[in-house]
C-alpha atoms as a PDB file:
ATOM      1  CA  UNK A   1      62.196 151.907  58.655  1.00  0.00           C
ATOM      2  CA  UNK A   2      61.593 155.174  60.652  1.00  0.00           C
ATOM      3  CA  UNK A   3      62.970 158.430  59.310  1.00  0.00           C
ATOM      4  CA  UNK A   4      65.107 158.528  62.665  1.00  0.00           C
ATOM      5  CA  UNK A   5      67.256 155.467  61.509  1.00  0.00           C
ATOM      6  CA  UNK A   6      68.374 156.652  58.250  1.00  0.00           C
ATOM      7  CA  UNK A   7      71.960 157.819  58.056  1.00  0.00           C
ATOM      8  CA  UNK A   8      74.848 157.641  55.509  1.00  0.00           C
ATOM      9  CA  UNK A   9      77.127 155.155  57.805  1.00  0.00           C
ATOM     10  CA  UNK A  10      76.253 151.425  57.119  1.00  0.00           C
ATOM     11  CA  UNK A  11      73.525 149.912  59.726  1.00  0.00           C
ATOM     12  CA  UNK A  12      75.740 146.164  60.910  1.00  0.00           C
ATOM     13  CA  UNK A  13      72.444 143.830  61.997  1.00  0.00           C
ATOM     14  CA  UNK A  14      73.215 140.643  63.566  1.00  0.00           C
ATOM     15  CA  UNK A  15      71.143 137.859  62.158  1.00  0.00           C
ATOM     16  CA  UNK A  16      71.051 134.731  63.445  1.00  0.00           C
ATOM     17  CA  UNK A  17      71.109 131.792  61.126  1.00  0.00           C
ATOM     18  CA  UNK A  18      67.707 129.673  61.582  1.00  0.00           C
ATOM     19  CA  UNK A  19      68.787 126.092  63.887  1.00  0.00           C
ATOM     20  CA  UNK A  20      72.474 127.493  63.908  1.00  0.00           C
ATOM     21  CA  UNK A  21      73.994 129.148  67.043  1.00  0.00           C
ATOM     22  CA  UNK A  22      76.386 131.051  64.042  1.00  0.00           C
ATOM     23  CA  UNK A  23      76.163 134.788  63.981  1.00  0.00           C
ATOM     24  CA  UNK A  24      75.702 135.986  60.330  1.00  0.00           C
ATOM     25  CA  UNK A  25      77.034 140.132  60.129  1.00  0.00           C
ATOM     26  CA  UNK A  26      74.988 142.005  57.161  1.00  0.00           C
ATOM     27  CA  UNK A  27      75.823 145.085  55.716  1.00  0.00           C
ATOM     28  CA  UNK A  28      72.612 147.533  54.958  1.00  0.00           C
ATOM     29  CA  UNK A  29      73.612 150.800  53.601  1.00  0.00           C
ATOM     30  CA  UNK A  30      70.986 153.542  53.469  1.00  0.00           C
ATOM     31  CA  UNK A  31      70.645 156.853  52.005  1.00  0.00           C
ATOM     32  CA  UNK A  32      70.040 159.787  54.170  1.00  0.00           C
ATOM     33  CA  UNK A  33      66.769 161.654  53.233  1.00  0.00           C
ATOM     34  CA  UNK A  34      66.974 164.733  50.524  1.00  0.00           C
ATOM     35  CA  UNK A  35      65.334 167.963  51.983  1.00  0.00           C
ATOM     36  CA  UNK A  36      62.144 168.856  50.204  1.00  0.00           C
ATOM     37  CA  UNK A  37      63.241 171.375  47.463  1.00  0.00           C
ATOM     38  CA  UNK A  38      60.739 173.726  45.651  1.00  0.00           C
ATOM     39  CA  UNK A  39      60.266 174.040  41.492  1.00  0.00           C
ATOM     40  CA  UNK A  40      60.869 178.084  41.625  1.00  0.00           C
ATOM     41  CA  UNK A  41      61.140 180.417  38.670  1.00  0.00           C
ATOM     42  CA  UNK A  42      64.604 181.548  37.273  1.00  0.00           C
ATOM     43  CA  UNK A  43      64.966 185.150  39.282  1.00  0.00           C
ATOM     44  CA  UNK A  44      64.224 183.682  42.584  1.00  0.00           C
ATOM     45  CA  UNK A  45      66.571 180.527  42.191  1.00  0.00           C
ATOM     46  CA  UNK A  46      69.233 182.890  41.470  1.00  0.00           C
ATOM     47  CA  UNK A  47      68.168 184.785  44.618  1.00  0.00           C
ATOM     48  CA  UNK A  48      68.658 181.857  46.544  1.00  0.00           C
ATOM     49  CA  UNK A  49      72.184 180.785  45.063  1.00  0.00           C
ATOM     50  CA  UNK A  50      73.276 184.355  46.157  1.00  0.00           C
ATOM     51  CA  UNK A  51      71.788 184.328  49.223  1.00  0.00           C
ATOM     52  CA  UNK A  52      74.232 181.375  50.278  1.00  0.00           C
ATOM     53  CA  UNK A  53      77.385 182.612  47.793  1.00  0.00           C
ATOM     54  CA  UNK A  54      77.147 185.552  49.893  1.00  0.00           C
ATOM     55  CA  UNK A  55      76.396 183.721  53.265  1.00  0.00           C
ATOM     56  CA  UNK A  56      73.441 185.309  54.288  1.00  0.00           C
ATOM     57  CA  UNK A  57      72.083 181.920  55.821  1.00  0.00           C
ATOM     58  CA  UNK A  58      75.317 182.409  58.497  1.00  0.00           C
ATOM     59  CA  UNK A  59      73.236 185.429  59.917  1.00  0.00           C
ATOM     60  CA  UNK A  60      69.939 184.622  59.145  1.00  0.00           C
ATOM     61  CA  UNK A  61      69.464 180.984  59.104  1.00  0.00           C
ATOM     62  CA  UNK A  62      69.286 178.702  56.494  1.00  0.00           C
ATOM     63  CA  UNK A  63      66.332 179.589  54.139  1.00  0.00           C
ATOM     64  CA  UNK A  64      65.929 182.852  55.928  1.00  0.00           C
ATOM     65  CA  UNK A  65      64.474 180.919  58.904  1.00  0.00           C
ATOM     66  CA  UNK A  66      66.627 182.810  62.032  1.00  0.00           C
ATOM     67  CA  UNK A  67      67.626 181.450  65.368  1.00  0.00           C
ATOM     68  CA  UNK A  68      71.504 181.891  64.811  1.00  0.00           C
ATOM     69  CA  UNK A  69      71.452 185.009  66.676  1.00  0.00           C
ATOM     70  CA  UNK A  70      69.022 186.760  68.405  1.00  0.00           C
ATOM     71  CA  UNK A  71      69.910 190.310  66.994  1.00  0.00           C
ATOM     72  CA  UNK A  72      69.506 188.699  63.662  1.00  0.00           C
ATOM     73  CA  UNK A  73      66.168 188.552  62.579  1.00  0.00           C
ATOM     74  CA  UNK A  74      64.592 186.059  60.372  1.00  0.00           C
ATOM     75  CA  UNK A  75      63.519 186.903  56.815  1.00  0.00           C
ATOM     76  CA  UNK A  76      60.272 184.781  56.187  1.00  0.00           C
ATOM     77  CA  UNK A  77      58.202 187.492  57.666  1.00  0.00           C
ATOM     78  CA  UNK A  78      60.236 190.539  56.710  1.00  0.00           C
ATOM     79  CA  UNK A  79      60.874 189.435  53.302  1.00  0.00           C
ATOM     80  CA  UNK A  80      57.242 189.411  52.145  1.00  0.00           C
ATOM     81  CA  UNK A  81      56.492 192.502  54.476  1.00  0.00           C
ATOM     82  CA  UNK A  82      58.990 195.176  53.365  1.00  0.00           C
ATOM     83  CA  UNK A  83      58.745 196.883  50.044  1.00  0.00           C
ATOM     84  CA  UNK A  84      61.402 195.956  46.992  1.00  0.00           C
ATOM     85  CA  UNK A  85      62.960 199.315  47.330  1.00  0.00           C
ATOM     86  CA  UNK A  86      62.823 199.134  51.479  1.00  0.00           C
ATOM     87  CA  UNK A  87      65.061 195.734  50.924  1.00  0.00           C
ATOM     88  CA  UNK A  88      67.223 197.170  48.176  1.00  0.00           C
ATOM     89  CA  UNK A  89      68.027 200.061  50.820  1.00  0.00           C
ATOM     90  CA  UNK A  90      68.925 197.649  53.590  1.00  0.00           C
ATOM     91  CA  UNK A  91      71.034 195.191  51.453  1.00  0.00           C
ATOM     92  CA  UNK A  92      72.665 197.755  49.534  1.00  0.00           C
ATOM     93  CA  UNK A  93      73.372 200.345  52.875  1.00  0.00           C
ATOM     94  CA  UNK A  94      73.596 197.911  55.423  1.00  0.00           C
ATOM     95  CA  UNK A  95      71.780 197.809  58.866  1.00  0.00           C
ATOM     96  CA  UNK A  96      72.493 197.435  62.464  1.00  0.00           C
ATOM     97  CA  UNK A  97      74.627 199.009  65.454  1.00  0.00           C
ATOM     98  CA  UNK A  98      78.062 199.688  64.264  1.00  0.00           C
ATOM     99  CA  UNK A  99      79.074 200.738  67.844  1.00  0.00           C
ATOM    100  CA  UNK A 100      78.349 197.291  69.573  1.00  0.00           C
ATOM    101  CA  UNK A 101      80.883 194.817  68.254  1.00  0.00           C
ATOM    102  CA  UNK A 102      79.060 192.176  70.461  1.00  0.00           C
ATOM    103  CA  UNK A 103      76.109 192.358  67.980  1.00  0.00           C
ATOM    104  CA  UNK A 104      76.074 190.972  64.672  1.00  0.00           C
ATOM    105  CA  UNK A 105      76.231 194.028  61.972  1.00  0.00           C
ATOM    106  CA  UNK A 106      75.426 193.589  58.307  1.00  0.00           C
ATOM    107  CA  UNK A 107      77.518 194.854  55.991  1.00  0.00           C
ATOM    108  CA  UNK A 108      77.389 197.394  53.204  1.00  0.00           C
ATOM    109  CA  UNK A 109      76.739 195.232  49.932  1.00  0.00           C
ATOM    110  CA  UNK A 110      76.158 197.968  47.406  1.00  0.00           C
ATOM    111  CA  UNK A 111      79.898 198.321  46.569  1.00  0.00           C
ATOM    112  CA  UNK A 112      80.314 194.259  46.442  1.00  0.00           C
ATOM    113  CA  UNK A 113      77.450 192.904  44.843  1.00  0.00           C
ATOM    114  CA  UNK A 114      75.759 193.605  41.298  1.00  0.00           C
ATOM    115  CA  UNK A 115      72.405 195.158  41.406  1.00  0.00           C
ATOM    116  CA  UNK A 116      70.980 192.229  38.985  1.00  0.00           C
ATOM    117  CA  UNK A 117      71.747 190.244  42.081  1.00  0.00           C
ATOM    118  CA  UNK A 118      70.141 192.247  44.520  1.00  0.00           C
ATOM    119  CA  UNK A 119      67.101 191.863  42.476  1.00  0.00           C
ATOM    120  CA  UNK A 120      67.357 188.146  42.190  1.00  0.00           C
ATOM    121  CA  UNK A 121      67.728 188.699  46.018  1.00  0.00           C
ATOM    122  CA  UNK A 122      64.537 190.660  46.691  1.00  0.00           C
ATOM    123  CA  UNK A 123      62.435 188.112  44.175  1.00  0.00           C
ATOM    124  CA  UNK A 124      63.878 185.314  46.751  1.00  0.00           C
ATOM    125  CA  UNK A 125      63.004 186.994  49.884  1.00  0.00           C
ATOM    126  CA  UNK A 126      59.659 187.889  48.741  1.00  0.00           C
ATOM    127  CA  UNK A 127      58.966 184.533  47.741  1.00  0.00           C
ATOM    128  CA  UNK A 128      58.930 183.313  51.365  1.00  0.00           C
ATOM    129  CA  UNK A 129      63.137 182.116  50.856  1.00  0.00           C
ATOM    130  CA  UNK A 130      61.620 178.714  49.256  1.00  0.00           C
ATOM    131  CA  UNK A 131      64.384 175.633  49.494  1.00  0.00           C
ATOM    132  CA  UNK A 132      66.310 175.431  46.085  1.00  0.00           C
ATOM    133  CA  UNK A 133      68.101 172.749  45.009  1.00  0.00           C
ATOM    134  CA  UNK A 134      71.589 173.576  45.102  1.00  0.00           C
ATOM    135  CA  UNK A 135      71.736 176.583  47.306  1.00  0.00           C
ATOM    136  CA  UNK A 136      72.945 175.118  50.798  1.00  0.00           C
ATOM    137  CA  UNK A 137      76.474 175.544  51.688  1.00  0.00           C
ATOM    138  CA  UNK A 138      78.301 172.329  52.382  1.00  0.00           C
ATOM    139  CA  UNK A 139      79.268 171.219  55.771  1.00  0.00           C
ATOM    140  CA  UNK A 140      82.411 172.728  57.955  1.00  0.00           C
ATOM    141  CA  UNK A 141      84.842 169.770  58.700  1.00  0.00           C
ATOM    142  CA  UNK A 142      86.264 169.897  61.758  1.00  0.00           C
ATOM    143  CA  UNK A 143      87.965 167.062  62.356  1.00  0.00           C
ATOM    144  CA  UNK A 144      91.182 167.469  59.875  1.00  0.00           C
ATOM    145  CA  UNK A 145      92.606 170.437  62.102  1.00  0.00           C
ATOM    146  CA  UNK A 146      91.641 174.123  62.644  1.00  0.00           C
ATOM    147  CA  UNK A 147      93.515 175.123  59.131  1.00  0.00           C
ATOM    148  CA  UNK A 148      91.353 172.953  56.757  1.00  0.00           C
ATOM    149  CA  UNK A 149      88.408 174.263  58.727  1.00  0.00           C
ATOM    150  CA  UNK A 150      90.010 177.761  58.886  1.00  0.00           C
ATOM    151  CA  UNK A 151      89.792 177.603  55.009  1.00  0.00           C
ATOM    152  CA  UNK A 152      86.204 176.154  54.807  1.00  0.00           C
ATOM    153  CA  UNK A 153      84.998 178.693  57.230  1.00  0.00           C
ATOM    154  CA  UNK A 154      86.638 181.456  54.710  1.00  0.00           C
ATOM    155  CA  UNK A 155      84.416 180.470  52.105  1.00  0.00           C
ATOM    156  CA  UNK A 156      80.848 179.212  53.733  1.00  0.00           C
ATOM    157  CA  UNK A 157      80.824 182.988  55.967  1.00  0.00           C
ATOM    158  CA  UNK A 158      81.196 184.769  53.010  1.00  0.00           C
ATOM    159  CA  UNK A 159      84.848 186.473  53.699  1.00  0.00           C
ATOM    160  CA  UNK A 160      86.147 185.256  50.357  1.00  0.00           C
ATOM    161  CA  UNK A 161      83.486 187.800  48.373  1.00  0.00           C
ATOM    162  CA  UNK A 162      85.327 190.676  49.726  1.00  0.00           C
ATOM    163  CA  UNK A 163      89.174 189.961  50.715  1.00  0.00           C
ATOM    164  CA  UNK A 164      89.372 187.537  47.529  1.00  0.00           C
ATOM    165  CA  UNK A 165      91.023 184.062  47.197  1.00  0.00           C
ATOM    166  CA  UNK A 166      93.692 183.418  49.371  1.00  0.00           C
ATOM    167  CA  UNK A 167      93.049 186.617  51.345  1.00  0.00           C
ATOM    168  CA  UNK A 168      94.942 188.770  47.987  1.00  0.00           C
ATOM    169  CA  UNK A 169      92.151 191.285  48.103  1.00  0.00           C
ATOM    170  CA  UNK A 170      91.409 193.479  45.441  1.00  0.00           C
ATOM    171  CA  UNK A 171      87.807 194.243  45.774  1.00  0.00           C
ATOM    172  CA  UNK A 172      86.451 197.867  44.920  1.00  0.00           C
ATOM    173  CA  UNK A 173      85.805 199.875  47.747  1.00  0.00           C
ATOM    174  CA  UNK A 174      85.778 203.164  46.276  1.00  0.00           C
ATOM    175  CA  UNK A 175      85.416 205.510  49.314  1.00  0.00           C
ATOM    176  CA  UNK A 176      88.144 204.047  51.091  1.00  0.00           C
ATOM    177  CA  UNK A 177      91.794 205.448  50.896  1.00  0.00           C
ATOM    178  CA  UNK A 178      93.116 203.090  49.002  1.00  0.00           C
ATOM    179  CA  UNK A 179      89.825 202.145  46.830  1.00  0.00           C
ATOM    180  CA  UNK A 180      89.641 198.649  47.335  1.00  0.00           C
ATOM    181  CA  UNK A 181      88.532 196.356  50.478  1.00  0.00           C
ATOM    182  CA  UNK A 182      92.041 195.043  52.520  1.00  0.00           C
ATOM    183  CA  UNK A 183      93.733 192.177  51.902  1.00  0.00           C
ATOM    184  CA  UNK A 184      94.365 189.439  54.608  1.00  0.00           C
ATOM    185  CA  UNK A 185      97.863 188.446  53.338  1.00  0.00           C
ATOM    186  CA  UNK A 186     101.192 190.230  52.417  1.00  0.00           C
ATOM    187  CA  UNK A 187     103.478 192.318  54.547  1.00  0.00           C
ATOM    188  CA  UNK A 188     101.150 195.249  55.734  1.00  0.00           C
ATOM    189  CA  UNK A 189      98.374 192.988  57.112  1.00  0.00           C
ATOM    190  CA  UNK A 190     101.036 190.886  59.384  1.00  0.00           C
ATOM    191  CA  UNK A 191     102.914 194.225  60.436  1.00  0.00           C
ATOM    192  CA  UNK A 192      99.159 195.193  61.834  1.00  0.00           C
ATOM    193  CA  UNK A 193      98.005 192.172  62.867  1.00  0.00           C
ATOM    194  CA  UNK A 194     100.899 190.876  63.946  1.00  0.00           C
ATOM    195  CA  UNK A 195      99.443 188.483  66.950  1.00  0.00           C
ATOM    196  CA  UNK A 196      96.433 185.613  67.394  1.00  0.00           C
ATOM    197  CA  UNK A 197      94.907 188.215  69.616  1.00  0.00           C
ATOM    198  CA  UNK A 198      94.664 190.923  66.719  1.00  0.00           C
ATOM    199  CA  UNK A 199      93.730 189.077  63.740  1.00  0.00           C
ATOM    200  CA  UNK A 200      90.878 187.572  66.316  1.00  0.00           C
ATOM    201  CA  UNK A 201      90.050 191.065  67.759  1.00  0.00           C
ATOM    202  CA  UNK A 202      89.113 192.476  63.569  1.00  0.00           C
ATOM    203  CA  UNK A 203      87.382 189.478  63.003  1.00  0.00           C
ATOM    204  CA  UNK A 204      85.011 189.981  66.330  1.00  0.00           C
ATOM    205  CA  UNK A 205      84.571 193.331  66.001  1.00  0.00           C
ATOM    206  CA  UNK A 206      84.718 193.895  62.173  1.00  0.00           C
ATOM    207  CA  UNK A 207      86.181 197.026  60.482  1.00  0.00           C
ATOM    208  CA  UNK A 208      82.817 199.379  60.853  1.00  0.00           C
ATOM    209  CA  UNK A 209      84.096 202.891  60.254  1.00  0.00           C
ATOM    210  CA  UNK A 210      80.364 204.209  60.219  1.00  0.00           C
ATOM    211  CA  UNK A 211      80.574 206.035  57.471  1.00  0.00           C
ATOM    212  CA  UNK A 212      78.509 204.725  54.288  1.00  0.00           C
ATOM    213  CA  UNK A 213      79.073 203.819  51.799  1.00  0.00           C
ATOM    214  CA  UNK A 214      82.497 202.413  53.002  1.00  0.00           C
ATOM    215  CA  UNK A 215      82.160 198.970  52.867  1.00  0.00           C
ATOM    216  CA  UNK A 216      81.475 197.632  56.515  1.00  0.00           C
ATOM    217  CA  UNK A 217      82.582 194.046  57.688  1.00  0.00           C
ATOM    218  CA  UNK A 218      80.389 192.253  59.730  1.00  0.00           C
ATOM    219  CA  UNK A 219      80.572 191.841  63.415  1.00  0.00           C
ATOM    220  CA  UNK A 220      81.718 187.967  63.290  1.00  0.00           C
ATOM    221  CA  UNK A 221      81.692 188.432  67.457  1.00  0.00           C
ATOM    222  CA  UNK A 222      77.828 187.868  67.902  1.00  0.00           C
ATOM    223  CA  UNK A 223      77.906 184.900  65.179  1.00  0.00           C
ATOM    224  CA  UNK A 224      81.244 182.789  65.047  1.00  0.00           C
ATOM    225  CA  UNK A 225      82.483 180.951  68.181  1.00  0.00           C
ATOM    226  CA  UNK A 226      85.924 181.287  69.763  1.00  0.00           C
ATOM    227  CA  UNK A 227      87.155 177.725  68.433  1.00  0.00           C
ATOM    228  CA  UNK A 228      85.777 178.912  64.925  1.00  0.00           C
ATOM    229  CA  UNK A 229      87.458 182.477  65.273  1.00  0.00           C
ATOM    230  CA  UNK A 230      90.954 180.601  66.133  1.00  0.00           C
ATOM    231  CA  UNK A 231      90.235 178.232  63.433  1.00  0.00           C
ATOM    232  CA  UNK A 232      90.193 181.245  60.760  1.00  0.00           C
ATOM    233  CA  UNK A 233      93.300 182.897  62.377  1.00  0.00           C
ATOM    234  CA  UNK A 234      95.286 179.423  61.746  1.00  0.00           C
ATOM    235  CA  UNK A 235      94.159 179.443  57.891  1.00  0.00           C
ATOM    236  CA  UNK A 236      94.917 183.263  57.450  1.00  0.00           C
ATOM    237  CA  UNK A 237      98.195 182.757  58.987  1.00  0.00           C
ATOM    238  CA  UNK A 238      99.092 180.033  56.259  1.00  0.00           C
ATOM    239  CA  UNK A 239      98.637 183.243  53.478  1.00  0.00           C
ATOM    240  CA  UNK A 240     101.456 184.946  51.854  1.00  0.00           C
ATOM    241  CA  UNK A 241     103.463 187.314  54.315  1.00  0.00           C
ATOM    242  CA  UNK A 242     105.718 188.950  52.027  1.00  0.00           C
END
């Protein structure tokens, strides 16, 4: 059977009974083929899972293959061409044009990701970003309403890593006035962002201040669609507002 015909949904086959006009319906369930994975050492595997956890693929493409935005490079070549020291600098301090909110901006990860995690990411990049079992984000469901979609986008796009579970905040940001990355819940947030347009605006343009080493939020305007921005906003509006 051709791979193109493989699917999770049952395939109904109409089979005419021999010597009879009676039609028999036979249901056959076939499995979707599993993408090939590569056996790698433990540090490279760590890097693959960190790459997934911190939503690197949402900008750089699955396994760093690119194709998400013309402003974001594929990592297959860069990962091997750059030195470990240069890769660490980019991950720790970010890169991009902070003044243009329509173009993606890689955040400053140095205050969020540990040195061990950066070392693992570098090992994964320099190994050529092989496919590693389990290091892939689940698909986002779009048929259960915008709030359910927003919850899943919040995790898949790494918002949870900086703004915390349920938008409660608390992740360190030593150079900011209150020493933490701001929460997305509570009276202060909803007083400042009191309309859908304001919430979508800050997600789209990010909170990049241009003064490293303040942790910089990506410009999601070059990555997320308008529908996804609306779904994230719908979820954020369900969070504690007092």
